[in-house]
Amino acid sequence: MFISPAYAQGTSGGGDFLVQLVPILLMFVIFYLLLLRPQQQRVKAHKEMVANIRRGDTVVTSGGIIGKVTKVRDDNEIEVEIADNTRVRVIKGTVSEVRAKGEPVKESA
């Protein structure tokens, strides 16, 4: 009726533990490859896009506002013209897309 002590102690735990650990490790690898790595690449691409915003670019904010960059104020803000004589200050991080690249700013010597 009860399990005898000799039967319960008959299994070895060392090799069995490693066999149970392999699927868990495999799940972590798959999780990293399918979820974490693509997200890191998207964040890197977004940071690069935001860093390269220049005057004349047509941008779309995360709120859906489309406008043309008229001035890059500092590292965090840009000025966007959304209509004639209507300019708003926007935080660079909220820009979700750069639709058309403007002409590069000509620097005076």
C-alpha atoms as a PDB file:
ATOM      1  CA  MET A   1       0.000   0.000   0.000  1.00  0.00           C
ATOM      2  CA  PHE A   2       2.795   2.452   0.846  1.00  0.00           C
ATOM      3  CA  ILE A   3       5.933   3.025  -1.230  1.00  0.00           C
ATOM      4  CA  SER A   4       8.866   1.226   0.230  1.00  0.00           C
ATOM      5  CA  PRO A   5      11.935   3.336   1.205  1.00  0.00           C
ATOM      6  CA  ALA A   6      14.145   1.309  -1.118  1.00  0.00           C
ATOM      7  CA  TYR A   7      11.962   2.182  -4.142  1.00  0.00           C
ATOM      8  CA  ALA A   8      11.782   5.881  -3.260  1.00  0.00           C
ATOM      9  CA  GLN A   9      15.566   6.180  -2.908  1.00  0.00           C
ATOM     10  CA  GLY A  10      16.331   4.296  -6.097  1.00  0.00           C
ATOM     11  CA  THR A  11      16.347   7.287  -8.492  1.00  0.00           C
ATOM     12  CA  SER A  12      19.408   9.438  -9.002  1.00  0.00           C
ATOM     13  CA  GLY A  13      18.837  13.211  -8.877  1.00  0.00           C
ATOM     14  CA  GLY A  14      21.979  14.559 -10.605  1.00  0.00           C
ATOM     15  CA  GLY A  15      21.273  13.799 -14.263  1.00  0.00           C
ATOM     16  CA  ASP A  16      17.544  14.264 -13.882  1.00  0.00           C
ATOM     17  CA  PHE A  17      17.990  17.853 -12.709  1.00  0.00           C
ATOM     18  CA  LEU A  18      19.972  18.830 -15.819  1.00  0.00           C
ATOM     19  CA  VAL A  19      17.361  17.290 -18.087  1.00  0.00           C
ATOM     20  CA  GLN A  20      14.680  19.405 -16.366  1.00  0.00           C
ATOM     21  CA  LEU A  21      16.799  22.557 -16.594  1.00  0.00           C
ATOM     22  CA  VAL A  22      17.295  22.420 -20.387  1.00  0.00           C
ATOM     23  CA  PRO A  23      13.673  23.302 -21.365  1.00  0.00           C
ATOM     24  CA  ILE A  24      13.650  26.256 -18.970  1.00  0.00           C
ATOM     25  CA  LEU A  25      16.892  27.588 -20.427  1.00  0.00           C
ATOM     26  CA  LEU A  26      15.524  27.033 -23.922  1.00  0.00           C
ATOM     27  CA  MET A  27      12.430  29.103 -23.048  1.00  0.00           C
ATOM     28  CA  PHE A  28      14.626  31.996 -21.879  1.00  0.00           C
ATOM     29  CA  VAL A  29      16.639  31.894 -25.114  1.00  0.00           C
ATOM     30  CA  ILE A  30      13.482  31.892 -27.241  1.00  0.00           C
ATOM     31  CA  PHE A  31      11.994  34.712 -25.135  1.00  0.00           C
ATOM     32  CA  TYR A  32      15.130  36.796 -25.682  1.00  0.00           C
ATOM     33  CA  LEU A  33      15.283  36.155 -29.427  1.00  0.00           C
ATOM     34  CA  LEU A  34      11.589  36.729 -30.141  1.00  0.00           C
ATOM     35  CA  LEU A  35      10.734  39.551 -27.723  1.00  0.00           C
ATOM     36  CA  LEU A  36      13.645  41.371 -26.143  1.00  0.00           C
ATOM     37  CA  ARG A  37      16.125  41.641 -29.011  1.00  0.00           C
ATOM     38  CA  PRO A  38      13.681  43.078 -31.599  1.00  0.00           C
ATOM     39  CA  GLN A  39      12.466  45.620 -29.045  1.00  0.00           C
ATOM     40  CA  GLN A  40      16.043  46.718 -28.333  1.00  0.00           C
ATOM     41  CA  GLN A  41      16.653  47.163 -32.062  1.00  0.00           C
ATOM     42  CA  ARG A  42      13.489  49.279 -32.435  1.00  0.00           C
ATOM     43  CA  VAL A  43      14.512  51.508 -29.525  1.00  0.00           C
ATOM     44  CA  LYS A  44      17.987  51.969 -31.012  1.00  0.00           C
ATOM     45  CA  ALA A  45      16.535  52.882 -34.425  1.00  0.00           C
ATOM     46  CA  HIS A  46      14.114  55.377 -32.820  1.00  0.00           C
ATOM     47  CA  LYS A  47      16.919  57.066 -30.860  1.00  0.00           C
ATOM     48  CA  GLU A  48      18.980  57.374 -34.038  1.00  0.00           C
ATOM     49  CA  MET A  49      16.016  58.806 -35.963  1.00  0.00           C
ATOM     50  CA  VAL A  50      15.298  61.364 -33.221  1.00  0.00           C
ATOM     51  CA  ALA A  51      18.957  62.393 -33.026  1.00  0.00           C
ATOM     52  CA  ASN A  52      19.034  63.062 -36.786  1.00  0.00           C
ATOM     53  CA  ILE A  53      15.983  65.372 -36.958  1.00  0.00           C
ATOM     54  CA  ARG A  54      16.880  68.572 -38.817  1.00  0.00           C
ATOM     55  CA  ARG A  55      15.123  71.752 -39.911  1.00  0.00           C
ATOM     56  CA  GLY A  56      12.858  71.110 -42.884  1.00  0.00           C
ATOM     57  CA  ASP A  57      11.967  67.509 -41.984  1.00  0.00           C
ATOM     58  CA  THR A  58       8.315  66.515 -42.059  1.00  0.00           C
ATOM     59  CA  VAL A  59       7.531  64.634 -38.851  1.00  0.00           C
ATOM     60  CA  VAL A  60       4.613  62.799 -37.272  1.00  0.00           C
ATOM     61  CA  THR A  61       4.247  62.975 -33.501  1.00  0.00           C
ATOM     62  CA  SER A  62       2.927  60.144 -31.368  1.00  0.00           C
ATOM     63  CA  GLY A  63      -0.303  62.156 -31.030  1.00  0.00           C
ATOM     64  CA  GLY A  64      -0.769  62.056 -34.805  1.00  0.00           C
ATOM     65  CA  ILE A  65       0.157  65.673 -35.564  1.00  0.00           C
ATOM     66  CA  ILE A  66       1.982  66.121 -38.871  1.00  0.00           C
ATOM     67  CA  GLY A  67       4.182  69.153 -39.305  1.00  0.00           C
ATOM     68  CA  LYS A  68       7.404  70.572 -40.612  1.00  0.00           C
ATOM     69  CA  VAL A  69      10.358  71.182 -38.307  1.00  0.00           C
ATOM     70  CA  THR A  70      11.204  74.889 -38.300  1.00  0.00           C
ATOM     71  CA  LYS A  71      13.759  74.960 -35.517  1.00  0.00           C
ATOM     72  CA  VAL A  72      15.695  72.520 -33.380  1.00  0.00           C
ATOM     73  CA  ARG A  73      15.698  74.294 -30.007  1.00  0.00           C
ATOM     74  CA  ASP A  74      18.000  72.018 -28.003  1.00  0.00           C
ATOM     75  CA  ASP A  75      18.648  68.336 -27.405  1.00  0.00           C
ATOM     76  CA  ASN A  76      15.092  67.693 -26.202  1.00  0.00           C
ATOM     77  CA  GLU A  77      12.805  70.105 -28.079  1.00  0.00           C
ATOM     78  CA  ILE A  78      11.943  70.996 -31.645  1.00  0.00           C
ATOM     79  CA  GLU A  79       9.620  73.602 -33.073  1.00  0.00           C
ATOM     80  CA  VAL A  80       7.093  72.214 -35.542  1.00  0.00           C
ATOM     81  CA  GLU A  81       4.878  74.232 -37.881  1.00  0.00           C
ATOM     82  CA  ILE A  82       1.521  72.468 -38.097  1.00  0.00           C
ATOM     83  CA  ALA A  83      -0.314  75.181 -40.077  1.00  0.00           C
ATOM     84  CA  ASP A  84       0.431  78.613 -41.509  1.00  0.00           C
ATOM     85  CA  ASN A  85       1.883  80.735 -38.708  1.00  0.00           C
ATOM     86  CA  THR A  86       1.114  78.030 -36.134  1.00  0.00           C
ATOM     87  CA  ARG A  87       4.168  76.649 -34.446  1.00  0.00           C
ATOM     88  CA  VAL A  88       4.295  74.318 -31.482  1.00  0.00           C
ATOM     89  CA  ARG A  89       7.161  73.106 -29.358  1.00  0.00           C
ATOM     90  CA  VAL A  90       7.406  69.338 -29.268  1.00  0.00           C
ATOM     91  CA  ILE A  91       9.620  67.039 -27.245  1.00  0.00           C
ATOM     92  CA  LYS A  92      11.834  65.079 -29.620  1.00  0.00           C
ATOM     93  CA  GLY A  93      11.016  61.749 -27.979  1.00  0.00           C
ATOM     94  CA  THR A  94       7.365  62.054 -29.026  1.00  0.00           C
ATOM     95  CA  VAL A  95       8.242  62.047 -32.727  1.00  0.00           C
ATOM     96  CA  SER A  96       7.186  58.673 -34.057  1.00  0.00           C
ATOM     97  CA  GLU A  97       8.130  59.047 -37.720  1.00  0.00           C
ATOM     98  CA  VAL A  98      10.114  61.263 -40.063  1.00  0.00           C
ATOM     99  CA  ARG A  99       8.205  61.262 -43.325  1.00  0.00           C
ATOM    100  CA  ALA A 100      10.327  63.446 -45.586  1.00  0.00           C
ATOM    101  CA  LYS A 101      13.841  64.622 -45.015  1.00  0.00           C
ATOM    102  CA  GLY A 102      14.289  68.318 -45.596  1.00  0.00           C
ATOM    103  CA  GLU A 103      17.235  69.910 -47.271  1.00  0.00           C
ATOM    104  CA  PRO A 104      20.298  70.178 -45.048  1.00  0.00           C
ATOM    105  CA  VAL A 105      20.869  73.472 -43.314  1.00  0.00           C
ATOM    106  CA  LYS A 106      23.473  75.567 -45.094  1.00  0.00           C
ATOM    107  CA  GLU A 107      26.001  76.796 -42.611  1.00  0.00           C
ATOM    108  CA  SER A 108      27.483  80.238 -43.135  1.00  0.00           C
ATOM    109  CA  ALA A 109      31.232  80.483 -43.025  1.00  0.00           C
END
